[in-house]
Amino acid sequence: MIATSPTVTHLYAQAILQAARRRGIALPGDVTSRLVAGQRVPLMVQDRLWEEYCRAIDEPLAGLDIGLALQVGHLDSAGMLLVSCDTLRDGLEALVEYAPVIGDGGEFSLLEEGDLICLCYRPGYSVRVAERVEAVMASLARLARWATGDAFRPDDLWLAHCPLADESVYEERLAMPVVFRAERNCLRFHRNQAALPLIQANSALRDHLRQMADRTLESLGHQSLSAQVCHLMRVHPDWGKERVAAELAVSGRHLTRLLAEEGLSFRVLRERELRRLAVSALESGFSVAEVSEQLGFSEEAAFARAFRRWEGVSPSRFRSSVSG
């Protein structure tokens, strides 16, 4: 479903207000009065906020500066979810899935091109586009570095617009090469970076935040396709792609194509959800045989092989370690 009234979390809007306060800028009261703690901000108000801020500060890299100062908390529950995942890839896949929790107006996707992975962003707004894209991409690069304990080393950043200041300033502030007038906005990094562990990884917190994010998406009236697929797999872990596709009123082939547009695949999503369900069930005291049956494996040995691939140990040993 598509939301009838695009909105942004008030926490992201607060990042702009805080930047204005740091600069001693007073934004118009008729704009700031529309920002109420706990209430989502209409996208048209966010548009006005960006316009007023950029006009008042009158600096070409206003958006870049906001992005480099952005904190995890500004991204609402989705931000905490991203950094509580196990690996960088897990976190970025969660970003693709739960970006609407942060706000409408843009879409993320993950693409693999040879040895590179591209985190792409397509804006859907028309006000201060370049500044806002720079804020988004700079914040992602910064948060990825922070979440990996500064281990993340991107290859470069592509921006579809022309530079707003001297190109050397971008590279100095972002600490990476920046390519302008590119075919798309994307942060590019080598595929081996995707396996970097996140320093704030916490499976229990991650699962709790995922439930919160699911409820937020549902309340907003537009879950992404990947979120709908993941929800169905959590409720019906024994369902295959064709059964899930039928529930979503599309063919299996069309489902594959639609997920690919989000930079995801059914296999990756299913493996991720089965892994989480398996770990949770074993930690809750279910037997290996019971978990294998619950998750729809044809035989216990097949489940054991899959679990060893996910966690590096057999399910029986994992169960013993958490119960003992």
Protein backbone atom coordinates (compact mmCIF):
# COMPACT_ATOMS: atom_id res chain seq x y z
CA MET A 1 0.00 0.00 0.00
CA ILE A 2 1.08 3.58 -0.55
CA ALA A 3 0.82 6.20 2.15
CA THR A 4 -1.69 8.92 1.28
CA SER A 5 0.21 11.61 3.21
CA PRO A 6 4.02 11.43 2.97
CA THR A 7 5.74 12.11 6.29
CA VAL A 8 9.13 12.17 8.01
CA THR A 9 9.97 11.22 11.59
CA HIS A 10 10.17 14.33 13.79
CA LEU A 11 13.60 13.14 14.95
CA TYR A 12 15.08 13.70 11.48
CA ALA A 13 13.51 17.14 11.37
CA GLN A 14 15.13 17.83 14.73
CA ALA A 15 18.55 17.37 13.14
CA ILE A 16 17.88 20.48 11.03
CA LEU A 17 16.63 22.47 14.01
CA GLN A 18 19.72 21.51 16.00
CA ALA A 19 21.97 22.55 13.11
CA ALA A 20 20.18 25.91 13.02
CA ARG A 21 20.70 26.40 16.75
CA ARG A 22 24.40 25.60 16.44
CA ARG A 23 24.66 28.33 13.83
CA GLY A 24 22.53 30.80 15.77
CA ILE A 25 19.85 30.80 13.10
CA ALA A 26 16.19 31.48 13.97
CA LEU A 27 13.88 29.64 11.60
CA PRO A 28 10.34 30.96 10.94
CA GLY A 29 7.90 30.19 13.74
CA ASP A 30 5.17 29.07 11.36
CA VAL A 31 7.51 26.22 10.35
CA THR A 32 8.98 25.24 13.70
CA SER A 33 5.54 25.25 15.33
CA ARG A 34 4.56 22.37 13.03
CA LEU A 35 7.27 20.15 14.54
CA VAL A 36 5.74 18.36 17.51
CA ALA A 37 7.67 15.75 19.49
CA GLY A 38 6.27 12.29 18.87
CA GLN A 39 4.33 13.33 15.77
CA ARG A 40 5.49 12.69 12.24
CA VAL A 41 6.16 15.74 10.10
CA PRO A 42 4.33 16.16 6.78
CA LEU A 43 6.80 16.04 3.91
CA MET A 44 5.69 19.45 2.69
CA VAL A 45 6.66 20.92 6.09
CA GLN A 46 10.02 19.17 5.85
CA ASP A 47 10.44 20.71 2.38
CA ARG A 48 9.83 24.15 3.84
CA LEU A 49 12.22 23.46 6.71
CA TRP A 50 15.01 22.57 4.29
CA GLU A 51 14.31 25.61 2.15
CA GLU A 52 14.31 28.02 5.09
CA TYR A 53 17.45 26.51 6.61
CA CYS A 54 19.48 26.53 3.39
CA ARG A 55 18.36 30.06 2.59
CA ALA A 56 19.26 31.32 6.06
CA ILE A 57 22.66 29.65 6.29
CA ASP A 58 23.60 30.53 2.72
CA GLU A 59 26.44 28.00 2.57
CA PRO A 60 26.81 25.62 -0.39
CA LEU A 61 27.50 22.52 1.72
CA ALA A 62 24.72 23.01 4.26
CA GLY A 63 23.27 19.57 3.53
CA LEU A 64 26.64 17.83 3.70
CA ASP A 65 27.30 19.39 7.11
CA ILE A 66 23.94 18.17 8.45
CA GLY A 67 24.67 14.67 7.18
CA LEU A 68 28.08 14.56 8.84
CA ALA A 69 26.54 15.66 12.15
CA LEU A 70 23.60 13.23 12.03
CA GLN A 71 23.29 10.76 14.90
CA VAL A 72 21.70 7.30 14.99
CA GLY A 73 18.85 8.67 17.10
CA HIS A 74 17.80 11.06 14.34
CA LEU A 75 16.76 8.01 12.30
CA ASP A 76 14.14 6.87 14.81
CA SER A 77 13.83 3.16 15.65
CA ALA A 78 15.16 2.31 12.19
CA GLY A 79 18.51 3.85 13.07
CA MET A 80 18.93 1.72 16.17
CA LEU A 81 17.78 -1.32 14.20
CA LEU A 82 20.47 -0.76 11.58
CA VAL A 83 23.34 -0.60 14.05
CA SER A 84 22.12 -3.54 16.16
CA CYS A 85 22.37 -5.93 13.19
CA ASP A 86 25.24 -8.43 12.98
CA THR A 87 27.06 -7.21 9.89
CA LEU A 88 27.20 -4.19 7.63
CA ARG A 89 25.26 -6.04 4.93
CA ASP A 90 22.53 -6.95 7.42
CA GLY A 91 22.29 -3.32 8.47
CA LEU A 92 22.08 -2.01 4.92
CA GLU A 93 19.45 -4.58 4.00
CA ALA A 94 17.45 -3.38 7.00
CA LEU A 95 17.86 0.18 5.72
CA VAL A 96 16.38 -0.77 2.35
CA GLU A 97 13.48 -2.46 4.12
CA TYR A 98 12.74 0.14 6.82
CA ALA A 99 13.71 3.47 5.26
CA PRO A 100 10.04 4.64 5.28
CA VAL A 101 10.20 4.65 9.09
CA ILE A 102 12.71 7.48 8.76
CA GLY A 103 10.74 9.26 6.07
CA ASP A 104 9.11 9.29 2.68
CA GLY A 105 10.61 11.07 -0.28
CA GLY A 106 13.37 8.66 -1.29
CA GLU A 107 14.15 5.00 -1.92
CA PHE A 108 17.23 2.88 -1.21
CA SER A 109 18.48 -0.19 -3.03
CA LEU A 110 21.50 -2.48 -2.85
CA LEU A 111 23.13 -3.49 -6.13
CA GLU A 112 26.08 -5.80 -6.73
CA GLU A 113 28.36 -4.95 -9.63
CA GLY A 114 31.33 -7.28 -9.90
CA ASP A 115 33.40 -6.94 -6.74
CA LEU A 116 31.53 -3.82 -5.67
CA ILE A 117 28.33 -3.33 -3.70
CA CYS A 118 26.42 -0.11 -4.34
CA LEU A 119 24.06 1.43 -1.80
CA CYS A 120 21.91 3.58 -4.06
CA TYR A 121 19.51 6.38 -3.19
CA ARG A 122 16.82 7.79 -5.45
CA PRO A 123 15.24 11.02 -4.16
CA GLY A 124 11.57 11.70 -4.75
CA TYR A 125 11.32 15.32 -3.67
CA SER A 126 11.78 18.56 -5.59
CA VAL A 127 13.00 21.04 -2.95
CA ARG A 128 16.74 21.41 -2.25
CA VAL A 129 17.40 18.05 -3.85
CA ALA A 130 21.20 18.29 -4.04
CA GLU A 131 21.56 19.42 -0.42
CA ARG A 132 19.26 16.67 0.86
CA VAL A 133 20.95 13.95 -1.17
CA GLU A 134 24.30 15.06 0.20
CA ALA A 135 22.89 14.93 3.74
CA VAL A 136 21.61 11.38 3.20
CA MET A 137 24.76 10.00 1.60
CA ALA A 138 27.15 11.73 4.01
CA SER A 139 25.19 10.44 7.01
CA LEU A 140 25.26 6.87 5.69
CA ALA A 141 29.02 6.95 5.12
CA ARG A 142 29.60 8.39 8.58
CA LEU A 143 27.24 6.00 10.38
CA ALA A 144 28.69 2.98 8.52
CA ARG A 145 32.14 3.97 9.74
CA TRP A 146 30.90 4.47 13.28
CA ALA A 147 28.90 1.22 13.36
CA THR A 148 31.93 -0.80 12.23
CA GLY A 149 34.36 0.81 14.66
CA ASP A 150 35.87 2.86 11.82
CA ALA A 151 36.67 -0.28 9.83
CA PHE A 152 34.44 0.64 6.87
CA ARG A 153 36.43 1.81 3.86
CA PRO A 154 34.20 2.86 0.94
CA ASP A 155 35.68 3.03 -2.55
CA ASP A 156 33.92 6.25 -3.52
CA LEU A 157 30.68 8.21 -3.52
CA TRP A 158 28.70 8.92 -6.67
CA LEU A 159 26.42 11.96 -6.82
CA ALA A 160 24.10 12.65 -9.73
CA HIS A 161 24.22 16.45 -9.34
CA CYS A 162 26.95 18.98 -10.03
CA PRO A 163 29.24 19.96 -7.14
CA LEU A 164 27.95 22.77 -4.96
CA ALA A 165 31.48 23.73 -3.89
CA ASP A 166 35.05 22.88 -4.84
CA GLU A 167 35.34 19.13 -5.35
CA SER A 168 38.41 18.92 -3.13
CA VAL A 169 36.33 20.10 -0.17
CA TYR A 170 34.00 17.13 -0.58
CA GLU A 171 36.85 14.65 -0.62
CA GLU A 172 38.44 16.27 2.41
CA ARG A 173 35.26 16.21 4.48
CA LEU A 174 34.07 12.78 3.36
CA ALA A 175 37.53 11.17 3.30
CA MET A 176 36.85 9.41 0.02
CA PRO A 177 36.79 10.15 -3.73
CA VAL A 178 33.56 11.78 -4.94
CA VAL A 179 32.28 11.45 -8.51
CA PHE A 180 29.80 14.10 -9.69
CA ARG A 181 27.29 14.06 -12.54
CA ALA A 182 27.08 10.29 -12.04
CA GLU A 183 24.29 8.12 -13.37
CA ARG A 184 22.92 7.67 -9.83
CA ASN A 185 23.56 8.51 -6.21
CA CYS A 186 25.40 5.63 -4.57
CA LEU A 187 28.00 4.73 -1.98
CA ARG A 188 30.29 2.07 -3.47
CA PHE A 189 32.42 -0.39 -1.49
CA HIS A 190 34.14 -3.75 -2.00
CA ARG A 191 32.02 -6.80 -1.26
CA ASN A 192 34.37 -7.94 1.50
CA GLN A 193 33.32 -4.86 3.48
CA ALA A 194 29.78 -6.24 3.68
CA ALA A 195 30.87 -8.87 6.22
CA LEU A 196 32.27 -6.30 8.66
CA PRO A 197 30.78 -6.92 12.12
CA LEU A 198 28.88 -4.06 13.76
CA ILE A 199 30.18 -3.04 17.17
CA GLN A 200 26.65 -2.51 18.55
CA ALA A 201 25.33 -5.89 17.35
CA ASN A 202 22.60 -7.15 19.67
CA SER A 203 20.24 -9.83 18.37
CA ALA A 204 17.62 -9.41 21.11
CA LEU A 205 17.48 -5.64 20.65
CA ARG A 206 17.50 -6.03 16.87
CA ASP A 207 14.48 -8.34 16.92
CA HIS A 208 12.60 -6.02 19.29
CA LEU A 209 13.34 -2.99 17.12
CA ARG A 210 12.31 -4.89 14.01
CA GLN A 211 8.90 -5.53 15.58
CA MET A 212 8.60 -1.84 16.41
CA ALA A 213 9.59 -0.87 12.88
CA ASP A 214 7.07 -3.33 11.44
CA ARG A 215 4.31 -1.73 13.51
CA THR A 216 5.39 1.72 12.39
CA LEU A 217 5.31 0.72 8.73
CA GLU A 218 1.90 -0.84 9.20
CA SER A 219 0.56 2.29 10.89
CA LEU A 220 1.92 4.42 8.04
CA GLY A 221 0.01 2.26 5.60
CA HIS A 222 2.85 1.28 3.34
CA GLN A 223 5.16 -1.58 4.03
CA SER A 224 7.84 -2.08 1.44
CA LEU A 225 7.57 -5.30 -0.54
CA SER A 226 10.57 -6.78 1.27
CA ALA A 227 8.94 -5.96 4.63
CA GLN A 228 5.75 -7.74 3.54
CA VAL A 229 7.75 -10.76 2.38
CA CYS A 230 9.67 -10.91 5.67
CA HIS A 231 6.46 -10.65 7.68
CA LEU A 232 4.91 -13.55 5.78
CA MET A 233 8.03 -15.66 6.27
CA ARG A 234 8.05 -14.96 10.00
CA VAL A 235 4.41 -16.04 10.27
CA HIS A 236 4.72 -18.93 7.79
CA PRO A 237 8.40 -20.03 7.79
CA ASP A 238 7.56 -23.18 5.85
CA TRP A 239 6.24 -21.22 2.85
CA GLY A 240 8.32 -21.12 -0.31
CA LYS A 241 8.59 -18.33 -2.85
CA GLU A 242 5.57 -19.33 -4.91
CA ARG A 243 3.29 -19.50 -1.87
CA VAL A 244 4.50 -16.11 -0.62
CA ALA A 245 4.09 -14.65 -4.10
CA ALA A 246 0.53 -15.96 -4.33
CA GLU A 247 -0.31 -14.33 -0.99
CA LEU A 248 0.95 -11.03 -2.42
CA ALA A 249 -1.05 -11.56 -5.62
CA VAL A 250 1.99 -11.75 -7.92
CA SER A 251 3.81 -14.55 -9.70
CA GLY A 252 7.02 -16.01 -8.32
CA ARG A 253 8.97 -14.57 -11.24
CA HIS A 254 7.42 -11.12 -10.74
CA LEU A 255 8.24 -11.27 -7.02
CA THR A 256 11.87 -12.00 -7.87
CA ARG A 257 11.94 -9.03 -10.23
CA LEU A 258 10.32 -6.65 -7.72
CA LEU A 259 12.70 -7.65 -4.93
CA ALA A 260 15.65 -7.20 -7.28
CA GLU A 261 14.53 -3.58 -7.77
CA GLU A 262 15.02 -3.14 -4.02
CA GLY A 263 18.45 -4.77 -4.28
CA LEU A 264 17.28 -7.91 -2.47
CA SER A 265 16.41 -11.51 -3.23
CA PHE A 266 13.89 -13.98 -1.83
CA ARG A 267 16.67 -16.42 -0.95
CA VAL A 268 18.59 -13.84 1.06
CA LEU A 269 15.47 -12.67 2.90
CA ARG A 270 14.31 -16.22 3.65
CA GLU A 271 17.73 -17.30 4.94
CA ARG A 272 17.87 -14.24 7.18
CA GLU A 273 14.42 -14.82 8.67
CA LEU A 274 14.93 -18.58 9.12
CA ARG A 275 18.22 -17.92 10.88
CA ARG A 276 16.59 -15.50 13.30
CA LEU A 277 13.66 -17.81 13.95
CA ALA A 278 15.97 -20.78 14.50
CA VAL A 279 18.19 -18.95 16.98
CA SER A 280 15.19 -17.58 18.87
CA ALA A 281 13.46 -20.98 19.05
CA LEU A 282 16.57 -22.81 20.24
CA GLU A 283 17.22 -20.12 22.86
CA SER A 284 13.62 -20.58 24.02
CA GLY A 285 14.21 -24.28 24.68
CA PHE A 286 12.66 -25.97 21.65
CA SER A 287 14.38 -29.15 20.52
CA VAL A 288 16.35 -29.32 17.28
CA ALA A 289 13.70 -31.61 15.79
CA GLU A 290 10.91 -29.22 16.74
CA VAL A 291 12.67 -26.22 15.25
CA SER A 292 13.47 -28.12 12.07
CA GLU A 293 9.81 -29.00 11.66
CA GLN A 294 8.59 -25.49 12.51
CA LEU A 295 10.82 -23.97 9.85
CA GLY A 296 9.67 -26.38 7.17
CA PHE A 297 12.89 -28.33 6.60
CA SER A 298 12.37 -31.69 4.90
CA GLU A 299 14.68 -33.42 7.39
CA GLU A 300 16.58 -32.57 10.54
CA ALA A 301 19.93 -33.09 8.82
CA ALA A 302 19.13 -30.38 6.27
CA PHE A 303 18.31 -27.97 9.08
CA ALA A 304 21.54 -28.87 10.88
CA ARG A 305 23.59 -28.13 7.74
CA ALA A 306 21.86 -24.79 7.26
CA PHE A 307 22.28 -23.81 10.91
CA ARG A 308 25.98 -24.70 10.89
CA ARG A 309 26.39 -22.47 7.83
CA TRP A 310 24.61 -19.60 9.63
CA GLU A 311 26.16 -19.82 13.08
CA GLY A 312 29.30 -21.91 12.64
CA VAL A 313 28.14 -24.59 15.11
CA SER A 314 25.56 -27.37 15.08
CA PRO A 315 22.07 -26.51 16.39
CA SER A 316 22.44 -29.08 19.19
CA ARG A 317 25.70 -27.53 20.38
CA PHE A 318 24.20 -24.04 20.13
CA ARG A 319 21.17 -25.16 22.16
CA SER A 320 23.43 -26.69 24.81
CA SER A 321 25.51 -23.54 25.08
CA VAL A 322 22.53 -21.26 25.69
CA SER A 323 20.71 -23.64 28.02
CA GLY A 324 23.74 -24.61 30.07
